[in-house]
């Protein structure tokens, strides 16, 4: 094989995160010759600096919290403590395991890994050179056998370059007192106080973690409710639980100025009513969203259209340029790993000529792994009302479920929203223990266009938390049995 043909592919994927590596595997399964360009770490932000390592931290926090309430379960745990370095070490070990696992999947599926930073060129060419990005430490070495810098060519190119933390002017992270999620994942010492700016999934999860580990935590949110994308009622329930845990929450509040001192920060907060408040904290976590990595990858050179910082795509992830596609965070919200994975499969199958349906964004679940957990899919109650439909709403509290009581988790709520005329499930929203593991049942129901009648006649196992899902449906039609 000539060097020229060795550098030619059916598909090149730029980015080895959850969307990129899944797209590559599916393409290989369909018989394509595939290369993945990665500049820093296989498995992307999700497994290295996002979804997975944060869940490892939150699991440690959950167990530590349970130890503090051992007597509630008839147990004694009078002496227990933690070393934050050991908690972080476990998280990093899990991240490394995920990274190595994806590298193994590439080898198993005969996918080439091209190590470096990619730039699109005209004519289906990708130029790979040295990375200009500073590698976050601790990092995992590049996999063995990666291909070198050079020019590569493909019939199809998928851009899956992900996103990075959004930085606000005047509140730039310094790695010491002002953190993004990168620094918040690897604290060298346990801070006594933390100010979290932003109450989306990232902000709330870190607020929950640090509060569980003993820090004094304040959350500042610009909008009227925390977790703004969630149903208002669910958000209010979660807020009440957070505040009961000692987390201070300020909504409709703005961090106007931050003074960065030698041993912490002083934040000047502007409140809705014109009042001002000053908060001092050892660390500030900036969690005001993320922005797509669209710069310096050659989009302008080949004419790929962007809008408000995202690559513009159709329902099958195709850009305005033939042969160029975009998936995941770089292609717009919701910026979730599972959305990226689904887009990767959908995009590749469309390239292969398969008859597939475009993604239904309304059926993408969202999960926040704080304490209590929050999960949802579909329309909120307010959004459903705005459609003009007549709706029915069902609610079932955790306190009415035997398994929840046995677990010592009686606080929570399952809420369902139906079209009153057709019985279509429009949305489902949950707050409480393990709801992130329950929501998929409603996602499947929506995907299968299940009606309220079919859900009512589905047998849920007893005793399980899932019984609350059925009870919520029954409640929407005034038929709840256990409340």
Foldseek 3Di string as FASTA:
>chain_A
DDPQVVQEWQEEEEDQALLRLLLQLLLLVVPTAYEYEDAAFHRPCCLQQHVQLLVLLQVVLVVLLCLVVVVVVVDDDPDDADFVQVSLVVSNVRSLVVRVVSVVSCVVSVYAYAYAHWADAPPQKIFGDHHPDDHQPPGDDDDPPHHYTDMHGHLFYEYEQAWFADDDPQQGDPLFAEAESSSLSRDPHQWQEEEEEAQAQSRQSSQQSSLSNHHQYEYEELAPFHNVVAFPVQRVLVVVVSVVSRYHYAYNKDQPHWDQDPQWIWTWIAHPVRDIDIDTTRHYYYHPDIAADPPPRHCVNHVQDDDPRAGDAPLLQDTPDPRYGYFAVNHHPPRDSVRSSVSSSSNSCVVVVHDDDGDDQQLDKDWRVGVFIKIKGADHPVRVVVVVFDKFKFKDFQLLAPVCVVVVKRGKMKMWMARPPPQFTGMIIITTHPVVVQCVVVSVCNVVRHGLVVLLPDDDDPRDPNVRVNQRSCRSVPRRDRD
